[in-house]
Amino acid sequence: VVAVAAQPAEALVTLRLYDCNVEYDMWETNWTPEWKDWCCKNRQRGCPSTTTTTETSTTVTTTTRTTTKVITTTEDPKVAVEHCSKQCVFDAANATCAAR
C-alpha cells in the first residue's frame, strides 16, 4: 500500500472590488477615481477617452518670371523727314510734325 498525500486544489479567484455594470450610464460622474481605474484596468469599462492631435503644415512656393521685350526700329532718314513734313491736326491746330 502506497500512501499519497492529498494536495489542496488551487482555485483561481479574481477578487471583484467593483461592479463595473452599476451606474455605467453615468460612470464619469458617479464612480470614484479608484472605481474608474479598477474597472478600466480589469474590465475595460469606464476608461477615459483618449485624443490624438496631429499638426500639419503646408508650404506654398510662388515663382514669378518677368520678361521684357525690346524692339528697336531704324528708319531711313528720308522717310523720317517725309513724316515730319506731313500736315496733321492736333488740339485743333493744323501743323506739321516738324513745326510742333
N, C-alpha and C. Protein backbone atom coordinates (compact mmCIF):
# COMPACT_ATOMS: atom_id res chain seq x y z
N VAL A 1 0.85 -1.17 0.00
CA VAL A 1 0.00 0.00 0.00
C VAL A 1 0.89 1.22 0.00
N VAL A 2 0.55 2.12 -0.94
CA VAL A 2 1.31 3.37 -1.05
C VAL A 2 0.40 4.49 -0.59
N ALA A 3 0.93 5.31 0.26
CA ALA A 3 0.14 6.44 0.75
C ALA A 3 0.55 7.70 -0.02
N VAL A 4 -0.44 8.43 -0.54
CA VAL A 4 -0.18 9.68 -1.27
C VAL A 4 -0.90 10.79 -0.52
N ALA A 5 -0.16 11.82 -0.22
CA ALA A 5 -0.76 12.94 0.49
C ALA A 5 -1.60 13.76 -0.49
N ALA A 6 -2.77 14.08 -0.10
CA ALA A 6 -3.67 14.88 -0.95
C ALA A 6 -3.27 16.35 -0.86
N GLN A 7 -3.16 16.99 -2.04
CA GLN A 7 -2.83 18.41 -2.06
C GLN A 7 -4.09 19.19 -2.35
N PRO A 8 -4.23 20.30 -1.66
CA PRO A 8 -5.43 21.10 -1.90
C PRO A 8 -5.42 21.66 -3.32
N ALA A 9 -6.57 21.62 -3.97
CA ALA A 9 -6.69 22.18 -5.32
C ALA A 9 -6.65 23.69 -5.22
N GLU A 10 -5.83 24.31 -6.09
CA GLU A 10 -5.76 25.77 -6.07
C GLU A 10 -6.89 26.32 -6.90
N ALA A 11 -7.65 27.19 -6.33
CA ALA A 11 -8.77 27.81 -7.04
C ALA A 11 -8.32 29.19 -7.51
N LEU A 12 -8.59 29.48 -8.77
CA LEU A 12 -8.29 30.80 -9.30
C LEU A 12 -9.47 31.70 -9.02
N VAL A 13 -9.23 32.65 -8.20
CA VAL A 13 -10.31 33.56 -7.80
C VAL A 13 -9.89 34.97 -8.17
N THR A 14 -10.74 35.65 -8.91
CA THR A 14 -10.49 37.05 -9.22
C THR A 14 -11.30 37.87 -8.23
N LEU A 15 -10.61 38.64 -7.46
CA LEU A 15 -11.27 39.47 -6.49
C LEU A 15 -11.95 40.61 -7.21
N ARG A 16 -13.23 40.74 -7.04
CA ARG A 16 -14.02 41.77 -7.71
C ARG A 16 -14.29 42.89 -6.72
N LEU A 17 -13.51 43.95 -6.85
CA LEU A 17 -13.66 45.08 -5.93
C LEU A 17 -14.85 45.96 -6.28
N TYR A 18 -15.12 46.09 -7.56
CA TYR A 18 -16.18 46.99 -8.02
C TYR A 18 -17.04 46.27 -9.05
N ASP A 19 -18.31 46.65 -9.11
CA ASP A 19 -19.22 46.15 -10.14
C ASP A 19 -19.22 47.19 -11.26
N CYS A 20 -18.64 46.84 -12.36
CA CYS A 20 -18.46 47.79 -13.46
C CYS A 20 -19.71 47.95 -14.31
N ASN A 21 -20.80 47.30 -13.94
CA ASN A 21 -22.07 47.48 -14.65
C ASN A 21 -22.99 48.44 -13.91
N VAL A 22 -22.74 48.64 -12.62
CA VAL A 22 -23.59 49.52 -11.82
C VAL A 22 -23.35 50.96 -12.23
N GLU A 23 -24.42 51.66 -12.54
CA GLU A 23 -24.38 53.09 -12.90
C GLU A 23 -23.42 53.37 -14.06
N TYR A 24 -23.29 52.40 -14.95
CA TYR A 24 -22.35 52.56 -16.07
C TYR A 24 -22.77 53.71 -16.99
N ASP A 25 -24.07 53.96 -17.08
CA ASP A 25 -24.53 55.05 -17.96
C ASP A 25 -24.10 56.42 -17.43
N MET A 26 -23.67 56.49 -16.17
CA MET A 26 -23.22 57.77 -15.59
C MET A 26 -21.88 57.59 -14.87
N TRP A 27 -21.05 56.69 -15.39
CA TRP A 27 -19.80 56.36 -14.72
C TRP A 27 -18.89 57.56 -14.52
N GLU A 28 -18.91 58.51 -15.46
CA GLU A 28 -17.99 59.65 -15.37
C GLU A 28 -18.25 60.51 -14.14
N THR A 29 -19.52 60.61 -13.72
CA THR A 29 -19.84 61.45 -12.56
C THR A 29 -20.10 60.65 -11.29
N ASN A 30 -20.55 59.40 -11.41
CA ASN A 30 -20.92 58.64 -10.22
C ASN A 30 -19.82 57.76 -9.65
N TRP A 31 -18.89 57.32 -10.44
CA TRP A 31 -17.84 56.44 -9.95
C TRP A 31 -16.72 57.25 -9.32
N THR A 32 -16.08 56.68 -8.31
CA THR A 32 -14.92 57.31 -7.70
C THR A 32 -13.72 57.11 -8.63
N PRO A 33 -12.67 57.88 -8.45
CA PRO A 33 -11.46 57.67 -9.28
C PRO A 33 -10.91 56.25 -9.16
N GLU A 34 -10.96 55.68 -7.98
CA GLU A 34 -10.46 54.31 -7.79
C GLU A 34 -11.33 53.31 -8.55
N TRP A 35 -12.65 53.52 -8.49
CA TRP A 35 -13.61 52.65 -9.18
C TRP A 35 -13.34 52.68 -10.69
N LYS A 36 -13.20 53.90 -11.22
CA LYS A 36 -12.91 54.07 -12.65
C LYS A 36 -11.61 53.35 -13.03
N ASP A 37 -10.59 53.55 -12.22
CA ASP A 37 -9.29 52.95 -12.50
C ASP A 37 -9.38 51.43 -12.50
N TRP A 38 -10.04 50.84 -11.49
CA TRP A 38 -10.15 49.39 -11.40
C TRP A 38 -10.94 48.82 -12.57
N CYS A 39 -12.08 49.43 -12.88
CA CYS A 39 -12.91 48.92 -13.98
C CYS A 39 -12.20 49.06 -15.33
N CYS A 40 -11.46 50.13 -15.50
CA CYS A 40 -10.73 50.32 -16.76
C CYS A 40 -9.66 49.26 -16.91
N LYS A 41 -8.90 49.02 -15.86
CA LYS A 41 -7.80 48.05 -15.92
C LYS A 41 -8.27 46.60 -16.00
N ASN A 42 -9.37 46.28 -15.30
CA ASN A 42 -9.80 44.89 -15.19
C ASN A 42 -10.95 44.50 -16.10
N ARG A 43 -11.79 45.45 -16.47
CA ARG A 43 -12.96 45.13 -17.29
C ARG A 43 -13.05 45.99 -18.56
N GLN A 44 -12.06 46.85 -18.76
CA GLN A 44 -12.04 47.76 -19.92
C GLN A 44 -13.34 48.57 -20.03
N ARG A 45 -13.82 49.01 -18.91
CA ARG A 45 -15.03 49.86 -18.87
C ARG A 45 -14.68 51.08 -18.04
N GLY A 46 -15.28 52.20 -18.41
CA GLY A 46 -15.05 53.42 -17.65
C GLY A 46 -13.68 54.02 -17.87
N CYS A 47 -13.08 53.70 -18.99
CA CYS A 47 -11.76 54.25 -19.30
C CYS A 47 -11.94 55.67 -19.86
N PRO A 48 -11.05 56.57 -19.49
CA PRO A 48 -11.15 57.93 -20.04
C PRO A 48 -10.87 57.89 -21.54
N SER A 49 -11.54 58.79 -22.24
CA SER A 49 -11.31 58.85 -23.69
C SER A 49 -9.92 59.40 -23.95
N THR A 50 -9.37 58.98 -25.04
CA THR A 50 -8.05 59.47 -25.44
C THR A 50 -8.21 60.29 -26.70
N THR A 51 -7.38 61.29 -26.83
CA THR A 51 -7.41 62.12 -28.02
C THR A 51 -6.02 62.15 -28.63
N THR A 52 -6.01 62.32 -29.92
CA THR A 52 -4.75 62.42 -30.65
C THR A 52 -4.78 63.73 -31.43
N THR A 53 -3.73 64.49 -31.30
CA THR A 53 -3.63 65.75 -32.02
C THR A 53 -2.56 65.60 -33.09
N THR A 54 -2.92 65.99 -34.29
CA THR A 54 -1.99 65.92 -35.40
C THR A 54 -1.84 67.31 -35.99
N GLU A 55 -0.62 67.73 -36.15
CA GLU A 55 -0.36 69.02 -36.77
C GLU A 55 0.13 68.80 -38.19
N THR A 56 -0.35 69.64 -39.08
CA THR A 56 0.12 69.60 -40.45
C THR A 56 0.55 71.00 -40.85
N SER A 57 1.44 71.07 -41.78
CA SER A 57 1.85 72.37 -42.30
C SER A 57 1.94 72.28 -43.81
N THR A 58 1.68 73.40 -44.42
CA THR A 58 1.71 73.47 -45.87
C THR A 58 2.64 74.61 -46.27
N THR A 59 3.47 74.36 -47.23
CA THR A 59 4.37 75.39 -47.76
C THR A 59 4.00 75.64 -49.21
N VAL A 60 3.80 76.91 -49.53
CA VAL A 60 3.47 77.29 -50.89
C VAL A 60 4.63 78.11 -51.42
N THR A 61 5.13 77.73 -52.57
CA THR A 61 6.22 78.46 -53.21
C THR A 61 5.70 79.06 -54.51
N THR A 62 5.93 80.34 -54.68
CA THR A 62 5.49 81.03 -55.89
C THR A 62 6.71 81.57 -56.61
N THR A 63 6.77 81.31 -57.89
CA THR A 63 7.86 81.81 -58.72
C THR A 63 7.28 82.77 -59.75
N THR A 64 7.86 83.93 -59.84
CA THR A 64 7.40 84.93 -60.81
C THR A 64 8.53 85.17 -61.81
N ARG A 65 8.16 85.15 -63.06
CA ARG A 65 9.14 85.40 -64.12
C ARG A 65 8.67 86.63 -64.89
N THR A 66 9.56 87.57 -65.08
CA THR A 66 9.26 88.79 -65.84
C THR A 66 10.11 88.77 -67.09
N THR A 67 9.45 88.99 -68.21
CA THR A 67 10.14 89.03 -69.49
C THR A 67 9.94 90.42 -70.09
N THR A 68 11.02 91.02 -70.50
CA THR A 68 10.97 92.33 -71.14
C THR A 68 11.43 92.16 -72.58
N LYS A 69 10.60 92.68 -73.47
CA LYS A 69 10.93 92.57 -74.89
C LYS A 69 11.23 93.98 -75.41
N VAL A 70 12.40 94.16 -75.98
CA VAL A 70 12.82 95.45 -76.52
C VAL A 70 12.84 95.35 -78.03
N ILE A 71 12.10 96.26 -78.64
CA ILE A 71 12.06 96.29 -80.10
C ILE A 71 12.71 97.60 -80.55
N THR A 72 13.69 97.49 -81.39
CA THR A 72 14.38 98.67 -81.92
C THR A 72 14.11 98.74 -83.42
N THR A 73 13.65 99.90 -83.84
CA THR A 73 13.41 100.09 -85.28
C THR A 73 14.29 101.22 -85.77
N THR A 74 14.75 101.05 -86.95
CA THR A 74 15.58 102.09 -87.59
C THR A 74 14.90 102.51 -88.88
N GLU A 75 14.69 103.79 -89.00
CA GLU A 75 14.04 104.29 -90.21
C GLU A 75 15.07 104.94 -91.13
N ASP A 76 14.74 104.87 -92.35
CA ASP A 76 15.54 105.57 -93.36
C ASP A 76 15.38 107.07 -93.10
N PRO A 77 16.46 107.84 -93.02
CA PRO A 77 16.34 109.29 -92.74
C PRO A 77 15.43 110.02 -93.72
N LYS A 78 15.36 109.59 -94.97
CA LYS A 78 14.50 110.25 -95.95
C LYS A 78 13.04 110.06 -95.57
N VAL A 79 12.68 108.85 -95.10
CA VAL A 79 11.29 108.57 -94.72
C VAL A 79 10.94 109.39 -93.49
N ALA A 80 11.87 109.49 -92.51
CA ALA A 80 11.61 110.25 -91.30
C ALA A 80 11.34 111.71 -91.64
N VAL A 81 12.06 112.28 -92.56
CA VAL A 81 11.86 113.68 -92.96
C VAL A 81 10.50 113.83 -93.61
N GLU A 82 10.08 112.86 -94.41
CA GLU A 82 8.77 112.93 -95.06
C GLU A 82 7.66 112.94 -94.02
N HIS A 83 7.79 112.10 -92.98
CA HIS A 83 6.76 112.07 -91.95
C HIS A 83 6.69 113.40 -91.20
N CYS A 84 7.80 114.01 -90.98
CA CYS A 84 7.82 115.27 -90.26
C CYS A 84 7.21 116.40 -91.07
N SER A 85 7.14 116.25 -92.37
CA SER A 85 6.58 117.33 -93.19
C SER A 85 5.09 117.15 -93.47
N LYS A 86 4.49 116.08 -93.03
CA LYS A 86 3.06 115.86 -93.25
C LYS A 86 2.26 116.76 -92.33
N GLN A 87 1.13 117.22 -92.83
CA GLN A 87 0.22 118.05 -92.05
C GLN A 87 -0.71 117.15 -91.22
N CYS A 88 -0.95 117.56 -89.99
CA CYS A 88 -1.91 116.84 -89.17
C CYS A 88 -2.56 117.82 -88.21
N VAL A 89 -3.71 117.44 -87.69
CA VAL A 89 -4.45 118.28 -86.75
C VAL A 89 -4.29 117.68 -85.35
N PHE A 90 -3.87 118.54 -84.42
CA PHE A 90 -3.70 118.12 -83.05
C PHE A 90 -4.10 119.28 -82.15
N ASP A 91 -4.98 119.03 -81.19
CA ASP A 91 -5.53 120.07 -80.31
C ASP A 91 -6.03 121.28 -81.12
N ALA A 92 -6.80 120.97 -82.15
CA ALA A 92 -7.42 121.98 -83.03
C ALA A 92 -6.41 122.84 -83.74
N ALA A 93 -5.16 122.40 -83.83
CA ALA A 93 -4.14 123.16 -84.57
C ALA A 93 -3.66 122.31 -85.71
N ASN A 94 -3.55 122.89 -86.90
CA ASN A 94 -3.08 122.21 -88.09
C ASN A 94 -1.64 122.60 -88.30
N ALA A 95 -0.74 121.61 -88.24
CA ALA A 95 0.68 121.91 -88.40
C ALA A 95 1.40 120.64 -88.80
N THR A 96 2.67 120.74 -89.17
CA THR A 96 3.48 119.57 -89.48
C THR A 96 4.13 119.09 -88.18
N CYS A 97 4.58 117.86 -88.20
CA CYS A 97 5.28 117.33 -87.01
C CYS A 97 6.56 118.12 -86.74
N ALA A 98 7.21 118.53 -87.81
CA ALA A 98 8.46 119.30 -87.64
C ALA A 98 8.21 120.64 -86.99
N ALA A 99 7.03 121.20 -87.20
CA ALA A 99 6.72 122.54 -86.67
C ALA A 99 6.29 122.45 -85.20
N ARG A 100 5.98 121.32 -84.75
CA ARG A 100 5.49 121.23 -83.36
C ARG A 100 6.63 121.18 -82.41
